PDB file of all heavy atoms in Angstrom:
ATOM      1  N   PRO A   1      -6.775 -16.546 -72.972  1.00  0.00           N
ATOM      2  CA  PRO A   1      -7.067 -15.456 -73.892  1.00  0.00           C
ATOM      3  C   PRO A   1      -8.156 -14.530 -73.407  1.00  0.00           C
ATOM      4  O   PRO A   1      -8.142 -13.348 -73.695  1.00  0.00           O
ATOM      5  CB  PRO A   1      -7.477 -16.168 -75.199  1.00  0.00           C
ATOM      6  CG  PRO A   1      -7.055 -17.586 -75.063  1.00  0.00           C
ATOM      7  CD  PRO A   1      -6.876 -17.867 -73.650  1.00  0.00           C
ATOM      8  N   ARG A   2      -9.100 -15.052 -72.628  1.00  0.00           N
ATOM      9  CA  ARG A   2     -10.143 -14.234 -72.094  1.00  0.00           C
ATOM     10  C   ARG A   2      -9.601 -13.246 -71.073  1.00  0.00           C
ATOM     11  O   ARG A   2     -10.143 -12.121 -70.986  1.00  0.00           O
ATOM     12  CB  ARG A   2     -11.243 -15.114 -71.465  1.00  0.00           C
ATOM     13  CG  ARG A   2     -12.009 -16.010 -72.454  1.00  0.00           C
ATOM     14  CD  ARG A   2     -12.916 -16.936 -71.757  1.00  0.00           C
ATOM     15  NE  ARG A   2     -12.176 -17.895 -70.895  1.00  0.00           N
ATOM     16  CZ  ARG A   2     -12.747 -18.767 -70.064  1.00  0.00           C
ATOM     17  NH1 ARG A   2     -14.077 -18.849 -69.993  1.00  0.00           N
ATOM     18  NH2 ARG A   2     -12.013 -19.585 -69.392  1.00  0.00           N
ATOM     19  N   LEU A   3      -8.566 -13.647 -70.375  1.00  0.00           N
ATOM     20  CA  LEU A   3      -7.955 -12.729 -69.452  1.00  0.00           C
ATOM     21  C   LEU A   3      -7.177 -11.659 -70.147  1.00  0.00           C
ATOM     22  O   LEU A   3      -7.145 -10.518 -69.748  1.00  0.00           O
ATOM     23  CB  LEU A   3      -7.060 -13.488 -68.466  1.00  0.00           C
ATOM     24  CG  LEU A   3      -7.752 -14.475 -67.518  1.00  0.00           C
ATOM     25  CD1 LEU A   3      -6.721 -15.209 -66.648  1.00  0.00           C
ATOM     26  CD2 LEU A   3      -8.790 -13.799 -66.647  1.00  0.00           C
ATOM     27  N   GLY A   4      -6.540 -12.051 -71.247  1.00  0.00           N
ATOM     28  CA  GLY A   4      -5.871 -11.081 -72.063  1.00  0.00           C
ATOM     29  C   GLY A   4      -6.840  -9.981 -72.590  1.00  0.00           C
ATOM     30  O   GLY A   4      -6.535  -8.788 -72.594  1.00  0.00           O
ATOM     31  N   ALA A   5      -8.030 -10.427 -72.994  1.00  0.00           N
ATOM     32  CA  ALA A   5      -9.063  -9.512 -73.476  1.00  0.00           C
ATOM     33  C   ALA A   5      -9.540  -8.630 -72.350  1.00  0.00           C
ATOM     34  O   ALA A   5      -9.798  -7.438 -72.541  1.00  0.00           O
ATOM     35  CB  ALA A   5     -10.183 -10.309 -74.080  1.00  0.00           C
ATOM     36  N   ALA A   6      -9.650  -9.183 -71.108  1.00  0.00           N
ATOM     37  CA  ALA A   6     -10.088  -8.424 -69.955  1.00  0.00           C
ATOM     38  C   ALA A   6      -9.071  -7.340 -69.627  1.00  0.00           C
ATOM     39  O   ALA A   6      -9.419  -6.208 -69.319  1.00  0.00           O
ATOM     40  CB  ALA A   6     -10.290  -9.320 -68.793  1.00  0.00           C
ATOM     41  N   VAL A   7      -7.795  -7.632 -69.694  1.00  0.00           N
ATOM     42  CA  VAL A   7      -6.747  -6.662 -69.417  1.00  0.00           C
ATOM     43  C   VAL A   7      -6.777  -5.559 -70.436  1.00  0.00           C
ATOM     44  O   VAL A   7      -6.690  -4.366 -70.118  1.00  0.00           O
ATOM     45  CB  VAL A   7      -5.354  -7.376 -69.393  1.00  0.00           C
ATOM     46  CG1 VAL A   7      -4.232  -6.326 -69.432  1.00  0.00           C
ATOM     47  CG2 VAL A   7      -5.232  -8.259 -68.183  1.00  0.00           C
ATOM     48  N   ALA A   8      -6.929  -5.890 -71.698  1.00  0.00           N
ATOM     49  CA  ALA A   8      -7.000  -4.887 -72.752  1.00  0.00           C
ATOM     50  C   ALA A   8      -8.227  -3.968 -72.548  1.00  0.00           C
ATOM     51  O   ALA A   8      -8.083  -2.735 -72.672  1.00  0.00           O
ATOM     52  CB  ALA A   8      -7.053  -5.523 -74.102  1.00  0.00           C
ATOM     53  N   ALA A   9      -9.308  -4.518 -72.167  1.00  0.00           N
ATOM     54  CA  ALA A   9     -10.512  -3.756 -71.959  1.00  0.00           C
ATOM     55  C   ALA A   9     -10.361  -2.844 -70.751  1.00  0.00           C
ATOM     56  O   ALA A   9     -10.837  -1.696 -70.719  1.00  0.00           O
ATOM     57  CB  ALA A   9     -11.720  -4.626 -71.816  1.00  0.00           C
ATOM     58  N   TYR A  10      -9.703  -3.369 -69.726  1.00  0.00           N
ATOM     59  CA  TYR A  10      -9.501  -2.563 -68.504  1.00  0.00           C
ATOM     60  C   TYR A  10      -8.570  -1.395 -68.782  1.00  0.00           C
ATOM     61  O   TYR A  10      -8.788  -0.297 -68.274  1.00  0.00           O
ATOM     62  CB  TYR A  10      -9.036  -3.402 -67.349  1.00  0.00           C
ATOM     63  CG  TYR A  10      -9.027  -2.603 -66.052  1.00  0.00           C
ATOM     64  CD1 TYR A  10     -10.186  -2.395 -65.329  1.00  0.00           C
ATOM     65  CD2 TYR A  10      -7.868  -1.930 -65.647  1.00  0.00           C
ATOM     66  CE1 TYR A  10     -10.212  -1.622 -64.206  1.00  0.00           C
ATOM     67  CE2 TYR A  10      -7.883  -1.153 -64.532  1.00  0.00           C
ATOM     68  CZ  TYR A  10      -9.052  -0.990 -63.781  1.00  0.00           C
ATOM     69  OH  TYR A  10      -9.062  -0.220 -62.683  1.00  0.00           O
ATOM     70  N   ARG A  11      -7.533  -1.625 -69.569  1.00  0.00           N
ATOM     71  CA  ARG A  11      -6.613  -0.507 -69.885  1.00  0.00           C
ATOM     72  C   ARG A  11      -7.386   0.575 -70.624  1.00  0.00           C
ATOM     73  O   ARG A  11      -7.190   1.763 -70.388  1.00  0.00           O
ATOM     74  CB  ARG A  11      -5.443  -1.061 -70.719  1.00  0.00           C
ATOM     75  CG  ARG A  11      -4.398   0.035 -70.964  1.00  0.00           C
ATOM     76  CD  ARG A  11      -3.281  -0.462 -71.911  1.00  0.00           C
ATOM     77  NE  ARG A  11      -2.622  -1.599 -71.332  1.00  0.00           N
ATOM     78  CZ  ARG A  11      -1.640  -1.556 -70.420  1.00  0.00           C
ATOM     79  NH1 ARG A  11      -1.242  -0.352 -69.961  1.00  0.00           N
ATOM     80  NH2 ARG A  11      -1.084  -2.642 -69.958  1.00  0.00           N
ATOM     81  N   THR A  12      -8.250   0.162 -71.555  1.00  0.00           N
ATOM     82  CA  THR A  12      -9.044   1.126 -72.262  1.00  0.00           C
ATOM     83  C   THR A  12      -9.921   1.893 -71.295  1.00  0.00           C
ATOM     84  O   THR A  12     -10.075   3.151 -71.430  1.00  0.00           O
ATOM     85  CB  THR A  12      -9.947   0.419 -73.331  1.00  0.00           C
ATOM     86  OG1 THR A  12      -9.063  -0.246 -74.282  1.00  0.00           O
ATOM     87  CG2 THR A  12     -10.863   1.394 -74.071  1.00  0.00           C
ATOM     88  N   TYR A  13     -10.527   1.213 -70.361  1.00  0.00           N
ATOM     89  CA  TYR A  13     -11.379   1.792 -69.352  1.00  0.00           C
ATOM     90  C   TYR A  13     -10.587   2.804 -68.543  1.00  0.00           C
ATOM     91  O   TYR A  13     -11.015   3.978 -68.330  1.00  0.00           O
ATOM     92  CB  TYR A  13     -11.944   0.714 -68.437  1.00  0.00           C
ATOM     93  CG  TYR A  13     -12.727   1.224 -67.261  1.00  0.00           C
ATOM     94  CD1 TYR A  13     -14.011   1.818 -67.400  1.00  0.00           C
ATOM     95  CD2 TYR A  13     -12.222   1.105 -65.956  1.00  0.00           C
ATOM     96  CE1 TYR A  13     -14.708   2.264 -66.275  1.00  0.00           C
ATOM     97  CE2 TYR A  13     -12.910   1.578 -64.867  1.00  0.00           C
ATOM     98  CZ  TYR A  13     -14.171   2.138 -65.022  1.00  0.00           C
ATOM     99  OH  TYR A  13     -14.862   2.594 -63.925  1.00  0.00           O
ATOM    100  N   ALA A  14      -9.389   2.441 -68.091  1.00  0.00           N
ATOM    101  CA  ALA A  14      -8.573   3.359 -67.284  1.00  0.00           C
ATOM    102  C   ALA A  14      -8.216   4.581 -68.100  1.00  0.00           C
ATOM    103  O   ALA A  14      -8.209   5.708 -67.558  1.00  0.00           O
ATOM    104  CB  ALA A  14      -7.307   2.611 -66.803  1.00  0.00           C
ATOM    105  N   GLN A  15      -7.891   4.413 -69.381  1.00  0.00           N
ATOM    106  CA  GLN A  15      -7.552   5.565 -70.177  1.00  0.00           C
ATOM    107  C   GLN A  15      -8.750   6.445 -70.383  1.00  0.00           C
ATOM    108  O   GLN A  15      -8.644   7.704 -70.343  1.00  0.00           O
ATOM    109  CB  GLN A  15      -7.031   5.059 -71.553  1.00  0.00           C
ATOM    110  CG  GLN A  15      -6.420   6.175 -72.415  1.00  0.00           C
ATOM    111  CD  GLN A  15      -5.139   6.721 -71.859  1.00  0.00           C
ATOM    112  OE1 GLN A  15      -4.132   6.019 -71.728  1.00  0.00           O
ATOM    113  NE2 GLN A  15      -5.163   7.994 -71.476  1.00  0.00           N
ATOM    114  N   GLU A  16      -9.851   5.887 -70.584  1.00  0.00           N
ATOM    115  CA  GLU A  16     -11.124   6.682 -70.762  1.00  0.00           C
ATOM    116  C   GLU A  16     -11.394   7.486 -69.501  1.00  0.00           C
ATOM    117  O   GLU A  16     -11.853   8.681 -69.607  1.00  0.00           O
ATOM    118  CB  GLU A  16     -12.304   5.769 -71.053  1.00  0.00           C
ATOM    119  CG  GLU A  16     -12.291   5.134 -72.406  1.00  0.00           C
ATOM    120  CD  GLU A  16     -13.342   4.050 -72.599  1.00  0.00           C
ATOM    121  OE1 GLU A  16     -13.952   3.630 -71.605  1.00  0.00           O
ATOM    122  OE2 GLU A  16     -13.593   3.649 -73.760  1.00  0.00           O
ATOM    123  N   GLN A  17     -11.167   6.894 -68.341  1.00  0.00           N
ATOM    124  CA  GLN A  17     -11.422   7.648 -67.085  1.00  0.00           C
ATOM    125  C   GLN A  17     -10.462   8.792 -66.973  1.00  0.00           C
ATOM    126  O   GLN A  17     -10.817   9.894 -66.500  1.00  0.00           O
ATOM    127  CB  GLN A  17     -11.290   6.695 -65.887  1.00  0.00           C
ATOM    128  CG  GLN A  17     -12.348   5.589 -65.835  1.00  0.00           C
ATOM    129  CD  GLN A  17     -13.759   6.156 -65.940  1.00  0.00           C
ATOM    130  OE1 GLN A  17     -14.155   7.017 -65.139  1.00  0.00           O
ATOM    131  NE2 GLN A  17     -14.558   5.615 -66.869  1.00  0.00           N
ATOM    132  N   ALA A  18      -9.202   8.559 -67.329  1.00  0.00           N
ATOM    133  CA  ALA A  18      -8.251   9.653 -67.260  1.00  0.00           C
ATOM    134  C   ALA A  18      -8.535  10.732 -68.254  1.00  0.00           C
ATOM    135  O   ALA A  18      -8.429  11.919 -67.987  1.00  0.00           O
ATOM    136  CB  ALA A  18      -6.811   9.106 -67.462  1.00  0.00           C
ATOM    137  N   ASP A  19      -8.910  10.295 -69.434  1.00  0.00           N
ATOM    138  CA  ASP A  19      -9.261  11.284 -70.495  1.00  0.00           C
ATOM    139  C   ASP A  19     -10.467  12.138 -70.115  1.00  0.00           C
ATOM    140  O   ASP A  19     -10.558  13.325 -70.453  1.00  0.00           O
ATOM    141  CB  ASP A  19      -9.565  10.546 -71.820  1.00  0.00           C
ATOM    142  CG  ASP A  19      -8.323   9.888 -72.410  1.00  0.00           C
ATOM    143  OD1 ASP A  19      -7.188  10.197 -71.965  1.00  0.00           O
ATOM    144  OD2 ASP A  19      -8.500   9.034 -73.312  1.00  0.00           O
ATOM    145  N   ALA A  20     -11.427  11.555 -69.371  1.00  0.00           N
ATOM    146  CA  ALA A  20     -12.567  12.318 -68.940  1.00  0.00           C
ATOM    147  C   ALA A  20     -12.229  13.196 -67.710  1.00  0.00           C
ATOM    148  O   ALA A  20     -12.859  14.257 -67.470  1.00  0.00           O
ATOM    149  CB  ALA A  20     -13.688  11.370 -68.538  1.00  0.00           C
ATOM    150  N   THR A  21     -11.262  12.771 -66.914  1.00  0.00           N
ATOM    151  CA  THR A  21     -10.889  13.533 -65.706  1.00  0.00           C
ATOM    152  C   THR A  21     -10.224  14.831 -66.029  1.00  0.00           C
ATOM    153  O   THR A  21     -10.534  15.879 -65.420  1.00  0.00           O
ATOM    154  CB  THR A  21      -9.957  12.669 -64.874  1.00  0.00           C
ATOM    155  OG1 THR A  21     -10.658  11.501 -64.346  1.00  0.00           O
ATOM    156  CG2 THR A  21      -9.449  13.465 -63.634  1.00  0.00           C
ATOM    157  N   VAL A  22      -9.346  14.861 -67.028  1.00  0.00           N
ATOM    158  CA  VAL A  22      -8.570  16.075 -67.307  1.00  0.00           C
ATOM    159  C   VAL A  22      -9.458  17.242 -67.630  1.00  0.00           C
ATOM    160  O   VAL A  22      -9.345  18.311 -67.010  1.00  0.00           O
ATOM    161  CB  VAL A  22      -7.547  15.818 -68.423  1.00  0.00           C
ATOM    162  CG1 VAL A  22      -6.946  17.115 -68.928  1.00  0.00           C
ATOM    163  CG2 VAL A  22      -6.439  14.883 -67.901  1.00  0.00           C
ATOM    164  N   PRO A  23     -10.452  17.149 -68.542  1.00  0.00           N
ATOM    165  CA  PRO A  23     -11.328  18.335 -68.804  1.00  0.00           C
ATOM    166  C   PRO A  23     -12.170  18.700 -67.587  1.00  0.00           C
ATOM    167  O   PRO A  23     -12.431  19.881 -67.344  1.00  0.00           O
ATOM    168  CB  PRO A  23     -12.218  17.921 -69.980  1.00  0.00           C
ATOM    169  CG  PRO A  23     -12.069  16.458 -70.071  1.00  0.00           C
ATOM    170  CD  PRO A  23     -10.741  16.093 -69.537  1.00  0.00           C
ATOM    171  N   ALA A  24     -12.561  17.697 -66.767  1.00  0.00           N
ATOM    172  CA  ALA A  24     -13.341  18.020 -65.550  1.00  0.00           C
ATOM    173  C   ALA A  24     -12.494  18.809 -64.541  1.00  0.00           C
ATOM    174  O   ALA A  24     -12.962  19.736 -63.921  1.00  0.00           O
ATOM    175  CB  ALA A  24     -13.825  16.731 -64.926  1.00  0.00           C
ATOM    176  N   VAL A  25     -11.206  18.418 -64.450  1.00  0.00           N
ATOM    177  CA  VAL A  25     -10.314  19.169 -63.599  1.00  0.00           C
ATOM    178  C   VAL A  25      -9.945  20.555 -64.168  1.00  0.00           C
ATOM    179  O   VAL A  25      -9.814  21.535 -63.388  1.00  0.00           O
ATOM    180  CB  VAL A  25      -9.005  18.359 -63.327  1.00  0.00           C
ATOM    181  CG1 VAL A  25      -7.991  19.153 -62.512  1.00  0.00           C
ATOM    182  CG2 VAL A  25      -9.383  17.069 -62.549  1.00  0.00           C
ATOM    183  N   GLU A  26      -9.867  20.623 -65.455  1.00  0.00           N
ATOM    184  CA  GLU A  26      -9.621  21.944 -66.075  1.00  0.00           C
ATOM    185  C   GLU A  26     -10.790  22.878 -65.747  1.00  0.00           C
ATOM    186  O   GLU A  26     -10.560  24.094 -65.511  1.00  0.00           O
ATOM    187  CB  GLU A  26      -9.452  21.807 -67.553  1.00  0.00           C
ATOM    188  CG  GLU A  26      -8.115  21.120 -67.964  1.00  0.00           C
ATOM    189  CD  GLU A  26      -7.929  20.923 -69.424  1.00  0.00           C
ATOM    190  OE1 GLU A  26      -8.992  20.629 -70.093  1.00  0.00           O
ATOM    191  OE2 GLU A  26      -6.800  20.937 -69.921  1.00  0.00           O
ATOM    192  N   ALA A  27     -12.030  22.402 -65.813  1.00  0.00           N
ATOM    193  CA  ALA A  27     -13.169  23.222 -65.492  1.00  0.00           C
ATOM    194  C   ALA A  27     -13.117  23.642 -64.015  1.00  0.00           C
ATOM    195  O   ALA A  27     -13.419  24.814 -63.670  1.00  0.00           O
ATOM    196  CB  ALA A  27     -14.454  22.472 -65.790  1.00  0.00           C
ATOM    197  N   PHE A  28     -12.782  22.723 -63.114  1.00  0.00           N
ATOM    198  CA  PHE A  28     -12.602  23.040 -61.693  1.00  0.00           C
ATOM    199  C   PHE A  28     -11.568  24.107 -61.497  1.00  0.00           C
ATOM    200  O   PHE A  28     -11.747  25.062 -60.740  1.00  0.00           O
ATOM    201  CB  PHE A  28     -12.225  21.749 -60.982  1.00  0.00           C
ATOM    202  CG  PHE A  28     -11.860  21.863 -59.510  1.00  0.00           C
ATOM    203  CD1 PHE A  28     -12.765  22.391 -58.621  1.00  0.00           C
ATOM    204  CD2 PHE A  28     -10.646  21.433 -59.092  1.00  0.00           C
ATOM    205  CE1 PHE A  28     -12.423  22.490 -57.262  1.00  0.00           C
ATOM    206  CE2 PHE A  28     -10.280  21.528 -57.749  1.00  0.00           C
ATOM    207  CZ  PHE A  28     -11.169  22.034 -56.832  1.00  0.00           C
ATOM    208  N   ALA A  29     -10.386  23.932 -62.187  1.00  0.00           N
ATOM    209  CA  ALA A  29      -9.278  24.913 -62.049  1.00  0.00           C
ATOM    210  C   ALA A  29      -9.715  26.297 -62.612  1.00  0.00           C
ATOM    211  O   ALA A  29      -9.341  27.323 -62.024  1.00  0.00           O
ATOM    212  CB  ALA A  29      -8.103  24.369 -62.774  1.00  0.00           C
TER     213      ALA A  29
END
């Protein structure tokens, strides 16, 4: 179960990074 929690947390992290990337790239563009 701890690995399941780690996977869920990592997916959230990956989504957060993508969500932050888009506005940064929009400013660059």
